[in-house]
Amino acid sequence: MKNTRTLIGRVVSDKRAKTVTVLVERRVTHELYGKIVGRSRKYHAHDEKGEYHLGDLVEIAEGRPISKTKSWVVTKLLQKAQIV
């Protein structure tokens, strides 16, 4: 059984075909000052059917490279975006 990396983040762009941009935020301790700081990174994730939209909380899993920048796949929807 292969252990794949999974991350949880929010969809910040769904403009591209079959691709969503997911912003993953994490909190880490600063090496020198010990203060807890927020770090974030954007990942391009594969969305075959185009079912995930802006603001959705999703889980992404690492997979084979699909394109130059895309090697993650959206596995499931955790929370739908709230309409304000």
N, C-alpha and C. Protein backbone atom coordinates (compact mmCIF):
# COMPACT_ATOMS: atom_id res chain seq x y z
N MET A 1 0.84 -1.19 0.00
CA MET A 1 0.00 0.00 0.00
C MET A 1 0.88 1.25 0.00
N LYS A 2 0.59 2.15 -0.94
CA LYS A 2 1.38 3.36 -1.09
C LYS A 2 0.80 4.48 -0.23
N ASN A 3 1.67 5.17 0.50
CA ASN A 3 1.22 6.25 1.36
C ASN A 3 1.33 7.58 0.61
N THR A 4 0.18 8.13 0.19
CA THR A 4 0.19 9.38 -0.58
C THR A 4 -0.02 10.58 0.32
N ARG A 5 0.65 11.69 -0.02
CA ARG A 5 0.50 12.92 0.73
C ARG A 5 -0.84 13.57 0.41
N THR A 6 -1.54 14.03 1.44
CA THR A 6 -2.79 14.76 1.24
C THR A 6 -2.71 16.09 1.97
N LEU A 7 -3.34 17.10 1.38
CA LEU A 7 -3.39 18.44 1.97
C LEU A 7 -4.82 18.95 1.90
N ILE A 8 -5.15 19.89 2.79
CA ILE A 8 -6.48 20.49 2.80
C ILE A 8 -6.31 21.98 2.56
N GLY A 9 -7.08 22.50 1.60
CA GLY A 9 -6.98 23.92 1.26
C GLY A 9 -8.25 24.45 0.62
N ARG A 10 -8.23 25.75 0.32
CA ARG A 10 -9.38 26.42 -0.27
C ARG A 10 -9.13 26.76 -1.73
N VAL A 11 -10.13 26.54 -2.56
CA VAL A 11 -10.02 26.85 -3.99
C VAL A 11 -10.03 28.37 -4.17
N VAL A 12 -8.96 28.91 -4.78
CA VAL A 12 -8.87 30.36 -5.00
C VAL A 12 -9.04 30.73 -6.47
N SER A 13 -8.99 29.73 -7.37
CA SER A 13 -9.23 29.98 -8.79
C SER A 13 -9.76 28.71 -9.45
N ASP A 14 -10.81 28.90 -10.26
CA ASP A 14 -11.36 27.77 -11.03
C ASP A 14 -11.55 28.16 -12.50
N LYS A 15 -10.72 29.10 -12.96
CA LYS A 15 -10.86 29.63 -14.31
C LYS A 15 -10.35 28.70 -15.41
N ARG A 16 -9.33 27.90 -15.10
CA ARG A 16 -8.75 27.00 -16.11
C ARG A 16 -9.60 25.74 -16.29
N ALA A 17 -9.51 25.16 -17.48
CA ALA A 17 -10.25 23.93 -17.77
C ALA A 17 -9.59 22.76 -17.04
N LYS A 18 -10.39 21.99 -16.30
CA LYS A 18 -9.95 20.80 -15.57
C LYS A 18 -8.87 21.05 -14.52
N THR A 19 -8.71 22.32 -14.09
CA THR A 19 -7.69 22.66 -13.09
C THR A 19 -8.25 23.67 -12.10
N VAL A 20 -7.95 23.45 -10.82
CA VAL A 20 -8.26 24.44 -9.79
C VAL A 20 -6.98 24.80 -9.05
N THR A 21 -6.91 26.04 -8.58
CA THR A 21 -5.78 26.47 -7.77
C THR A 21 -6.22 26.41 -6.32
N VAL A 22 -5.45 25.67 -5.51
CA VAL A 22 -5.82 25.45 -4.10
C VAL A 22 -4.77 26.12 -3.21
N LEU A 23 -5.22 26.98 -2.31
CA LEU A 23 -4.35 27.67 -1.36
C LEU A 23 -4.32 26.87 -0.06
N VAL A 24 -3.14 26.36 0.29
CA VAL A 24 -2.97 25.58 1.52
C VAL A 24 -2.24 26.46 2.53
N GLU A 25 -2.89 26.70 3.67
CA GLU A 25 -2.30 27.52 4.73
C GLU A 25 -1.89 26.64 5.89
N ARG A 26 -0.71 26.93 6.47
CA ARG A 26 -0.26 26.17 7.64
C ARG A 26 0.41 27.12 8.61
N ARG A 27 0.42 26.73 9.88
CA ARG A 27 1.02 27.56 10.92
C ARG A 27 2.28 26.87 11.43
N VAL A 28 3.39 27.60 11.39
CA VAL A 28 4.68 27.05 11.84
C VAL A 28 5.35 28.01 12.81
N THR A 29 6.25 27.47 13.60
CA THR A 29 7.02 28.30 14.53
C THR A 29 8.22 28.88 13.81
N HIS A 30 8.43 30.19 13.97
CA HIS A 30 9.58 30.85 13.37
C HIS A 30 10.86 30.29 13.98
N GLU A 31 11.85 29.99 13.13
CA GLU A 31 13.08 29.32 13.57
C GLU A 31 13.83 30.13 14.63
N LEU A 32 13.95 31.44 14.42
CA LEU A 32 14.74 32.27 15.32
C LEU A 32 13.93 32.85 16.49
N TYR A 33 12.75 33.39 16.18
CA TYR A 33 11.99 34.12 17.20
C TYR A 33 10.95 33.29 17.94
N GLY A 34 10.64 32.10 17.45
CA GLY A 34 9.70 31.23 18.15
C GLY A 34 8.25 31.62 18.02
N LYS A 35 7.96 32.69 17.29
CA LYS A 35 6.59 33.15 17.10
C LYS A 35 5.89 32.27 16.06
N ILE A 36 4.61 32.01 16.27
CA ILE A 36 3.85 31.21 15.31
C ILE A 36 3.44 32.12 14.16
N VAL A 37 3.84 31.74 12.95
CA VAL A 37 3.53 32.53 11.76
C VAL A 37 2.77 31.66 10.75
N GLY A 38 1.96 32.32 9.93
CA GLY A 38 1.19 31.62 8.89
C GLY A 38 1.98 31.53 7.60
N ARG A 39 2.07 30.35 7.05
CA ARG A 39 2.71 30.14 5.75
C ARG A 39 1.66 29.61 4.80
N SER A 40 1.72 30.03 3.54
CA SER A 40 0.76 29.54 2.57
C SER A 40 1.44 29.21 1.25
N ARG A 41 0.84 28.30 0.51
CA ARG A 41 1.37 27.90 -0.80
C ARG A 41 0.20 27.50 -1.69
N LYS A 42 0.32 27.84 -2.98
CA LYS A 42 -0.73 27.49 -3.94
C LYS A 42 -0.31 26.26 -4.73
N TYR A 43 -1.26 25.36 -4.92
CA TYR A 43 -1.03 24.15 -5.71
C TYR A 43 -2.05 24.10 -6.84
N HIS A 44 -1.63 23.66 -8.01
CA HIS A 44 -2.56 23.42 -9.11
C HIS A 44 -3.00 21.97 -8.99
N ALA A 45 -4.31 21.76 -8.94
CA ALA A 45 -4.85 20.41 -8.77
C ALA A 45 -5.80 20.07 -9.90
N HIS A 46 -5.80 18.80 -10.29
CA HIS A 46 -6.62 18.31 -11.40
C HIS A 46 -8.06 18.12 -10.94
N ASP A 47 -8.99 18.68 -11.72
CA ASP A 47 -10.42 18.58 -11.45
C ASP A 47 -11.09 18.17 -12.76
N GLU A 48 -11.20 16.87 -13.00
CA GLU A 48 -11.65 16.32 -14.29
C GLU A 48 -13.02 16.85 -14.74
N LYS A 49 -13.99 16.87 -13.83
CA LYS A 49 -15.36 17.24 -14.22
C LYS A 49 -15.67 18.73 -14.02
N GLY A 50 -14.77 19.48 -13.41
CA GLY A 50 -15.02 20.90 -13.16
C GLY A 50 -16.08 21.12 -12.10
N GLU A 51 -16.11 20.26 -11.08
CA GLU A 51 -17.16 20.32 -10.06
C GLU A 51 -16.80 21.17 -8.84
N TYR A 52 -15.56 21.61 -8.72
CA TYR A 52 -15.14 22.41 -7.57
C TYR A 52 -15.02 23.87 -7.98
N HIS A 53 -15.53 24.76 -7.12
CA HIS A 53 -15.58 26.18 -7.47
C HIS A 53 -14.94 27.05 -6.40
N LEU A 54 -14.82 28.32 -6.70
CA LEU A 54 -14.19 29.32 -5.85
C LEU A 54 -14.74 29.28 -4.42
N GLY A 55 -13.85 29.17 -3.44
CA GLY A 55 -14.25 29.19 -2.04
C GLY A 55 -14.49 27.83 -1.41
N ASP A 56 -14.52 26.76 -2.21
CA ASP A 56 -14.73 25.41 -1.68
C ASP A 56 -13.51 24.94 -0.89
N LEU A 57 -13.76 24.24 0.21
CA LEU A 57 -12.69 23.61 1.00
C LEU A 57 -12.54 22.18 0.49
N VAL A 58 -11.34 21.86 -0.04
CA VAL A 58 -11.14 20.56 -0.68
C VAL A 58 -9.90 19.86 -0.13
N GLU A 59 -9.87 18.53 -0.36
CA GLU A 59 -8.69 17.74 -0.03
C GLU A 59 -8.00 17.37 -1.34
N ILE A 60 -6.67 17.59 -1.40
CA ILE A 60 -5.92 17.23 -2.60
C ILE A 60 -4.89 16.17 -2.25
N ALA A 61 -4.62 15.28 -3.20
CA ALA A 61 -3.67 14.20 -2.99
C ALA A 61 -2.60 14.25 -4.08
N GLU A 62 -1.38 13.92 -3.72
CA GLU A 62 -0.28 13.92 -4.67
C GLU A 62 -0.42 12.73 -5.62
N GLY A 63 -0.15 12.98 -6.89
CA GLY A 63 -0.24 11.92 -7.88
C GLY A 63 0.86 12.06 -8.91
N ARG A 64 0.68 11.40 -10.05
CA ARG A 64 1.68 11.51 -11.11
C ARG A 64 1.61 12.89 -11.76
N PRO A 65 2.70 13.39 -12.36
CA PRO A 65 2.64 14.69 -13.03
C PRO A 65 1.66 14.66 -14.21
N ILE A 66 0.74 15.62 -14.21
CA ILE A 66 -0.27 15.71 -15.26
C ILE A 66 0.15 16.76 -16.29
N SER A 67 0.80 17.82 -15.81
CA SER A 67 1.34 18.86 -16.70
C SER A 67 2.59 19.44 -16.04
N LYS A 68 3.10 20.53 -16.60
CA LYS A 68 4.32 21.16 -16.07
C LYS A 68 4.16 21.58 -14.61
N THR A 69 3.01 22.13 -14.25
CA THR A 69 2.82 22.65 -12.89
C THR A 69 1.84 21.83 -12.06
N LYS A 70 1.24 20.79 -12.64
CA LYS A 70 0.15 20.09 -11.97
C LYS A 70 0.49 18.63 -11.67
N SER A 71 0.62 18.30 -10.38
CA SER A 71 0.85 16.91 -9.98
C SER A 71 0.01 16.54 -8.75
N TRP A 72 -1.07 17.29 -8.53
CA TRP A 72 -2.00 17.02 -7.44
C TRP A 72 -3.38 16.80 -8.02
N VAL A 73 -4.20 15.99 -7.34
CA VAL A 73 -5.56 15.68 -7.79
C VAL A 73 -6.52 15.97 -6.63
N VAL A 74 -7.64 16.64 -6.94
CA VAL A 74 -8.65 16.88 -5.91
C VAL A 74 -9.36 15.56 -5.62
N THR A 75 -9.34 15.14 -4.34
CA THR A 75 -9.94 13.86 -3.98
C THR A 75 -11.37 14.00 -3.45
N LYS A 76 -11.62 15.03 -2.62
CA LYS A 76 -12.99 15.19 -2.13
C LYS A 76 -13.28 16.61 -1.68
N LEU A 77 -14.58 16.92 -1.68
CA LEU A 77 -15.08 18.21 -1.23
C LEU A 77 -15.37 18.10 0.26
N LEU A 78 -14.77 18.98 1.06
CA LEU A 78 -14.99 18.96 2.50
C LEU A 78 -16.08 19.94 2.92
N GLN A 79 -16.10 21.11 2.26
CA GLN A 79 -17.11 22.12 2.60
C GLN A 79 -17.37 22.99 1.38
N LYS A 80 -18.66 23.15 1.06
CA LYS A 80 -19.06 23.98 -0.08
C LYS A 80 -18.89 25.45 0.31
N ALA A 81 -18.58 26.29 -0.70
CA ALA A 81 -18.42 27.72 -0.47
C ALA A 81 -19.75 28.33 -0.01
N GLN A 82 -19.68 29.24 0.97
CA GLN A 82 -20.88 29.89 1.45
C GLN A 82 -21.18 31.12 0.59
N ILE A 83 -22.42 31.23 0.14
CA ILE A 83 -22.83 32.38 -0.67
C ILE A 83 -23.19 33.51 0.27
N VAL A 84 -22.53 34.65 0.07
CA VAL A 84 -22.75 35.79 0.96
C VAL A 84 -23.71 36.77 0.29
